[in-house]
Protein backbone atom coordinates (compact mmCIF):
# COMPACT_ATOMS: atom_id res chain seq x y z
CA UNK A 1 0.00 0.00 0.00
CA UNK A 2 1.43 3.36 -0.95
CA UNK A 3 2.25 6.15 1.48
CA UNK A 4 -0.48 8.25 -0.13
CA UNK A 5 -3.03 5.55 0.65
CA UNK A 6 -1.89 5.44 4.28
CA UNK A 7 -2.32 9.21 4.47
CA UNK A 8 -5.78 9.00 2.93
CA UNK A 9 -6.89 6.32 5.39
CA UNK A 10 -5.57 8.32 8.32
CA UNK A 11 -7.38 11.42 7.10
CA UNK A 12 -10.59 9.43 6.83
CA UNK A 13 -10.15 8.23 10.38
CA UNK A 14 -9.63 11.76 11.64
CA UNK A 15 -12.74 12.97 9.86
CA UNK A 16 -14.65 10.22 11.65
CA UNK A 17 -13.73 11.63 15.05
CA UNK A 18 -16.62 14.10 15.02
CA UNK A 19 -19.14 11.26 15.25
CA UNK A 20 -17.18 8.91 17.52
CA UNK A 21 -14.36 9.21 20.03
CA UNK A 22 -11.76 11.93 19.41
CA UNK A 23 -8.33 12.46 20.91
CA UNK A 24 -8.75 13.98 24.36
CA UNK A 25 -5.13 14.52 25.37
CA UNK A 26 -3.71 17.85 24.06
CA UNK A 27 -0.39 16.16 23.26
CA UNK A 28 -2.16 13.69 20.97
CA UNK A 29 -4.19 16.45 19.37
CA UNK A 30 -0.95 18.31 18.61
CA UNK A 31 0.60 15.17 17.13
CA UNK A 32 -2.37 14.59 14.86
CA UNK A 33 -2.25 18.22 13.74
CA UNK A 34 1.47 17.90 12.98
CA UNK A 35 0.83 14.83 10.82
CA UNK A 36 -1.92 16.66 8.95
CA UNK A 37 0.49 19.50 8.26
CA UNK A 38 3.07 17.16 6.75
CA UNK A 39 5.35 16.82 9.81
CA UNK A 40 4.90 13.07 10.11
CA UNK A 41 8.31 12.28 11.62
CA UNK A 42 7.80 14.83 14.37
CA UNK A 43 4.30 13.53 15.08
CA UNK A 44 5.46 9.92 15.30
CA UNK A 45 8.34 10.82 17.63
CA UNK A 46 6.01 12.74 19.96
CA UNK A 47 3.51 9.87 20.13
CA UNK A 48 6.26 7.32 20.77
CA UNK A 49 7.64 9.40 23.66
CA UNK A 50 4.20 9.57 25.21
CA UNK A 51 3.69 5.83 24.73
CA UNK A 52 7.03 5.05 26.41
CA UNK A 53 6.12 7.24 29.41
CA UNK A 54 2.62 5.74 29.90
CA UNK A 55 1.96 2.47 31.74
CA UNK A 56 0.02 -0.08 29.61
CA UNK A 57 -2.61 -0.19 32.37
CA UNK A 58 -3.37 3.51 31.98
CA UNK A 59 -6.70 4.24 30.28
CA UNK A 60 -4.82 6.63 27.97
CA UNK A 61 -2.71 3.82 26.55
CA UNK A 62 -5.17 2.49 23.88
CA UNK A 63 -5.80 6.07 22.76
CA UNK A 64 -2.06 6.54 22.25
CA UNK A 65 -1.86 3.29 20.25
CA UNK A 66 -4.77 4.40 18.08
CA UNK A 67 -3.17 7.80 17.48
CA UNK A 68 0.12 6.08 16.67
CA UNK A 69 -1.73 4.18 13.94
CA UNK A 70 -3.19 7.40 12.58
CA UNK A 71 0.22 9.03 12.19
CA UNK A 72 1.99 5.87 10.99
CA UNK A 73 4.35 6.12 8.05
CA UNK A 74 3.56 2.71 6.54
CA UNK A 75 0.52 0.52 6.11
CA UNK A 76 2.18 -2.26 8.10
CA UNK A 77 2.77 -0.01 11.10
CA UNK A 78 -0.77 1.31 10.92
CA UNK A 79 -2.25 -2.19 10.82
CA UNK A 80 -0.09 -3.46 13.71
CA UNK A 81 -1.13 -0.64 16.04
CA UNK A 82 -4.81 -0.96 15.12
CA UNK A 83 -4.69 -4.71 15.75
CA UNK A 84 -3.07 -4.11 19.14
CA UNK A 85 -6.01 -1.89 20.07
CA UNK A 86 -8.58 -4.50 19.00
CA UNK A 87 -6.77 -7.45 20.65
CA UNK A 88 -5.12 -6.02 23.77
CA UNK A 89 -7.74 -3.36 24.51
CA UNK A 90 -10.85 -4.91 23.00
CA UNK A 91 -13.11 -3.46 25.70
CA UNK A 92 -11.85 0.10 25.36
CA UNK A 93 -13.74 2.88 23.64
CA UNK A 94 -11.15 2.82 20.85
CA UNK A 95 -11.61 -0.79 19.74
CA UNK A 96 -14.60 -0.11 17.48
CA UNK A 97 -12.74 2.81 15.85
CA UNK A 98 -9.76 0.52 15.23
CA UNK A 99 -11.96 -2.19 13.72
CA UNK A 100 -13.53 0.24 11.28
CA UNK A 101 -10.08 1.50 10.26
CA UNK A 102 -9.06 -2.11 9.57
CA UNK A 103 -12.18 -2.55 7.45
CA UNK A 104 -11.16 0.45 5.37
CA UNK A 105 -7.63 -0.88 4.96
CA UNK A 106 -8.87 -4.31 3.87
CA UNK A 107 -11.32 -2.77 1.42
CA UNK A 108 -8.60 -0.57 -0.06
CA UNK A 109 -6.51 -3.68 -0.79
CA UNK A 110 -9.55 -5.67 -2.02
CA UNK A 111 -9.28 -8.07 0.90
CA UNK A 112 -13.06 -8.39 1.08
CA UNK A 113 -12.99 -11.48 3.32
CA UNK A 114 -10.89 -9.64 5.89
CA UNK A 115 -13.13 -6.58 5.70
CA UNK A 116 -16.23 -8.76 6.17
CA UNK A 117 -14.75 -10.48 9.24
CA UNK A 118 -13.99 -7.16 10.91
CA UNK A 119 -17.41 -5.78 9.98
CA UNK A 120 -19.21 -8.70 11.57
CA UNK A 121 -16.98 -8.51 14.63
CA UNK A 122 -17.79 -4.82 14.94
CA UNK A 123 -21.50 -5.52 14.80
CA UNK A 124 -21.39 -8.44 17.24
CA UNK A 125 -18.97 -7.01 19.80
CA UNK A 126 -20.17 -3.39 19.68
CA UNK A 127 -23.93 -3.46 18.94
CA UNK A 128 -24.38 0.04 20.42
CA UNK A 129 -21.40 1.63 18.66
CA UNK A 130 -22.14 5.02 17.07
CA UNK A 131 -19.90 3.90 14.20
CA UNK A 132 -22.33 1.26 12.93
CA UNK A 133 -24.08 3.59 10.43
CA UNK A 134 -20.71 4.48 8.92
CA UNK A 135 -19.69 0.83 9.01
CA UNK A 136 -22.87 0.12 7.00
CA UNK A 137 -21.51 2.28 4.17
CA UNK A 138 -18.30 0.25 4.01
CA UNK A 139 -20.26 -2.99 4.41
CA UNK A 140 -22.40 -2.04 1.41
CA UNK A 141 -19.33 -1.45 -0.74
CA UNK A 142 -17.53 -4.54 0.58
CA UNK A 143 -20.37 -6.99 0.12
CA UNK A 144 -21.45 -5.64 -3.27
CA UNK A 145 -17.88 -5.98 -4.54
CA UNK A 146 -17.68 -9.46 -3.00
CA UNK A 147 -20.84 -10.44 -4.90
CA UNK A 148 -22.93 -10.82 -1.74
CA UNK A 149 -25.77 -8.32 -2.32
CA UNK A 150 -28.04 -9.83 0.35
CA UNK A 151 -25.55 -8.98 3.10
CA UNK A 152 -24.90 -5.54 1.56
CA UNK A 153 -28.61 -4.70 1.55
CA UNK A 154 -29.12 -5.83 5.15
CA UNK A 155 -26.27 -3.62 6.35
CA UNK A 156 -27.45 -0.64 4.31
CA UNK A 157 -31.03 -0.94 5.58
CA UNK A 158 -29.82 -1.00 9.18
CA UNK A 159 -27.47 1.92 8.52
CA UNK A 160 -30.25 4.09 7.09
CA UNK A 161 -32.43 3.31 10.10
CA UNK A 162 -29.67 4.39 12.50
CA UNK A 163 -28.42 7.53 10.71
CA UNK A 164 -31.55 9.66 10.63
CA UNK A 165 -29.73 12.74 11.94
CA UNK A 166 -26.86 12.58 9.43
CA UNK A 167 -28.24 13.76 6.11
CA UNK A 168 -24.97 13.35 4.21
CA UNK A 169 -24.53 9.77 5.40
CA UNK A 170 -28.19 9.04 4.64
CA UNK A 171 -27.60 10.21 1.07
CA UNK A 172 -24.52 8.01 0.71
CA UNK A 173 -26.32 4.97 2.08
CA UNK A 174 -29.41 5.69 -0.03
CA UNK A 175 -27.30 5.94 -3.16
CA UNK A 176 -25.87 2.48 -2.54
CA UNK A 177 -29.27 1.12 -1.55
CA UNK A 178 -30.68 1.91 -4.99
CA UNK A 179 -28.89 -1.24 -6.12
CA UNK A 180 -31.02 -3.21 -3.65
CA UNK A 181 -34.25 -1.80 -5.13
CA UNK A 182 -33.05 -2.52 -8.67
CA UNK A 183 -32.14 -6.04 -7.62
CA UNK A 184 -35.58 -6.61 -6.08
CA UNK A 185 -37.34 -5.32 -9.21
CA UNK A 186 -35.12 -7.46 -11.45
CA UNK A 187 -35.79 -10.53 -9.34
CA UNK A 188 -39.55 -10.01 -9.51
CA UNK A 189 -39.42 -9.58 -13.29
CA UNK A 190 -37.28 -12.71 -13.67
CA UNK A 191 -39.67 -14.74 -11.50
CA UNK A 192 -42.64 -13.56 -13.57
CA UNK A 193 -40.87 -14.53 -16.79
CA UNK A 194 -40.04 -18.00 -15.42
CA UNK A 195 -43.67 -18.51 -14.40
CA UNK A 196 -44.85 -17.51 -17.86
CA UNK A 197 -42.44 -19.94 -19.51
CA UNK A 198 -43.55 -22.80 -17.24
CA UNK A 199 -47.20 -22.07 -17.95
CA UNK A 200 -46.66 -21.99 -21.71
CA UNK A 201 -44.69 -25.27 -21.66
CA UNK A 202 -47.53 -27.12 -19.90
CA UNK A 203 -50.17 -26.08 -22.39
CA UNK A 204 -50.81 -28.80 -25.07
CA UNK A 205 -52.85 -28.16 -28.20
CA UNK A 206 -55.76 -30.66 -28.47
CA UNK A 207 -57.47 -31.10 -31.84
CA UNK A 208 -61.29 -31.16 -31.72
CA UNK A 209 -62.87 -34.59 -32.39
CA UNK A 210 -63.97 -35.35 -35.96
CA UNK A 211 -67.70 -36.07 -36.29
CA UNK A 212 -69.05 -36.78 -39.84
CA UNK A 213 -72.67 -37.48 -38.83
CA UNK A 214 -75.26 -35.03 -40.15
CA UNK A 215 -76.16 -32.24 -37.81
CA UNK A 216 -79.46 -30.45 -37.46
CA UNK A 217 -79.45 -26.88 -38.66
CA UNK A 218 -78.15 -24.60 -35.99
CA UNK A 219 -80.63 -22.33 -34.33
CA UNK A 220 -80.10 -18.69 -34.95
CA UNK A 221 -78.69 -17.31 -31.75
CA UNK A 222 -79.36 -13.82 -30.56
CA UNK A 223 -76.27 -11.60 -30.84
CA UNK A 224 -74.25 -11.55 -27.64
CA UNK A 225 -74.21 -8.23 -25.82
CA UNK A 226 -71.04 -6.25 -26.25
CA UNK A 227 -68.64 -6.80 -23.33
CA UNK A 228 -68.37 -4.02 -20.83
CA UNK A 229 -64.84 -2.61 -21.02
CA UNK A 230 -62.84 -3.18 -17.87
CA UNK A 231 -61.83 -0.01 -16.06
CA UNK A 232 -58.31 1.09 -16.92
CA UNK A 233 -55.71 0.28 -14.27
CA UNK A 234 -54.83 3.34 -12.21
CA UNK A 235 -51.21 3.84 -11.31
CA UNK A 236 -50.54 5.51 -7.99
CA UNK A 237 -47.20 7.19 -7.29
CA UNK A 238 -45.78 7.32 -3.80
CA UNK A 239 -42.54 8.54 -2.26
CA UNK A 240 -40.41 5.92 -0.54
CA UNK A 241 -38.69 7.57 2.41
CA UNK A 242 -36.99 4.59 4.05
CA UNK A 243 -36.32 0.87 3.77
CA UNK A 244 -35.40 -0.65 7.13
CA UNK A 245 -34.79 -4.08 8.56
CA UNK A 246 -37.35 -4.11 11.40
CA UNK A 247 -41.01 -3.21 11.76
CA UNK A 248 -40.21 -1.04 14.80
CA UNK A 249 -37.76 1.05 12.76
CA UNK A 250 -40.42 1.43 10.06
CA UNK A 251 -42.95 2.60 12.64
CA UNK A 252 -40.46 5.19 13.91
CA UNK A 253 -40.00 6.56 10.38
CA UNK A 254 -43.75 6.60 9.74
CA UNK A 255 -44.37 8.43 13.02
CA UNK A 256 -42.14 11.28 11.88
CA UNK A 257 -43.80 11.52 8.46
CA UNK A 258 -47.45 11.52 9.55
CA UNK A 259 -47.41 15.04 11.09
CA UNK A 260 -46.70 16.36 7.58
CA UNK A 261 -50.29 15.51 6.64
CA UNK A 262 -49.41 12.66 4.26
CA UNK A 263 -50.81 9.17 3.94
CA UNK A 264 -48.10 6.79 5.13
CA UNK A 265 -47.99 3.07 4.44
CA UNK A 266 -45.42 0.33 5.04
CA UNK A 267 -44.83 -2.43 2.51
CA UNK A 268 -42.89 -5.57 3.42
CA UNK A 269 -40.76 -6.79 0.52
CA UNK A 270 -37.74 -9.08 0.39
CA UNK A 271 -37.32 -9.00 4.17
CA UNK A 272 -37.34 -5.18 4.37
CA UNK A 273 -39.98 -2.74 5.58
CA UNK A 274 -40.38 0.04 3.02
CA UNK A 275 -42.07 3.20 4.28
CA UNK A 276 -43.93 5.18 1.59
CA UNK A 277 -45.75 8.49 1.82
CA UNK A 278 -48.37 10.30 -0.21
CA UNK A 279 -50.63 9.24 -3.07
CA UNK A 280 -50.18 11.03 -6.39
CA UNK A 281 -51.75 10.54 -9.79
CA UNK A 282 -48.70 11.72 -11.76
CA UNK A 283 -44.99 11.08 -11.44
CA UNK A 284 -44.24 14.81 -11.65
CA UNK A 285 -46.38 15.51 -8.60
CA UNK A 286 -44.65 12.73 -6.70
CA UNK A 287 -41.23 14.05 -7.72
CA UNK A 288 -42.11 17.48 -6.33
CA UNK A 289 -43.25 15.84 -3.10
CA UNK A 290 -40.01 13.84 -2.90
CA UNK A 291 -37.96 17.03 -3.11
CA UNK A 292 -40.04 18.59 -0.34
CA UNK A 293 -39.74 15.49 1.87
CA UNK A 294 -35.99 15.39 1.41
CA UNK A 295 -35.75 18.97 2.65
CA UNK A 296 -37.97 18.25 5.65
CA UNK A 297 -36.99 14.70 6.62
CA UNK A 298 -33.55 14.25 5.06
CA UNK A 299 -32.49 10.96 3.57
CA UNK A 300 -32.84 10.05 -0.11
CA UNK A 301 -36.58 9.74 -0.89
CA UNK A 302 -37.53 8.56 -4.37
CA UNK A 303 -40.69 7.88 -6.37
CA UNK A 304 -42.21 4.41 -6.76
CA UNK A 305 -45.18 3.42 -8.92
CA UNK A 306 -47.88 1.18 -7.51
CA UNK A 307 -50.69 -0.35 -9.61
């Protein structure tokens, strides 16, 4: 892994600090700032001095190890320090941060199996971690690239349910989740086509029996009344505002949308609960409503057509 990639991963980790744990010791803050300003050697020396002067039993120790990873000069050094945090200090508040950094490193090197293992460990060992919505973004990318869309869609649905207050992250997750909707639509179309083929293959043409005996003249039948035309199917357009993994999460989303005066319904499809609002006769009207809902509720609402 190149030095530029190490720098990019470290920068991503530092950006994450606003939503998770951030360096609390002023000496570590200064070291991180020095690394950001291009003084990596100075930053690494300062962190190493602090590490040498701190007992391993001190609660500051895992934070120093994590910071040492963030200012590391090579990918190997970064990985070693992050792994120390997850193994030696697995119950500290820095272990989930370190796991997510390892996920990013594995994804960057296309080690999707390694990224998946750390993602599942993060979810199992830290079910209340504030990093799970951001982990869902990396899980979506990891599992899609690993050709496991079912796992990607489950992670993304959970991430959208947990990131209601982060509009930017909602947009990123929603963008990836469009692949889940396309996949569901494609699967339904494929199933319908298979059913049609099976039905057509079971139909056998049967010739009518031949009867050469004379027949009495047919009675003149009264003309049949003209059939009443069936009413044309009416398409209804709604705005999908969320697709979540649990009914409770769907109810929470619906509760926030109802005060806007819209009809809200939840549709269960492919193991997800899709919350949809409004009822519009034209796609244009639904598109306008989607833009308004995005401004008021956030996320990535989009229009769906229902027969």
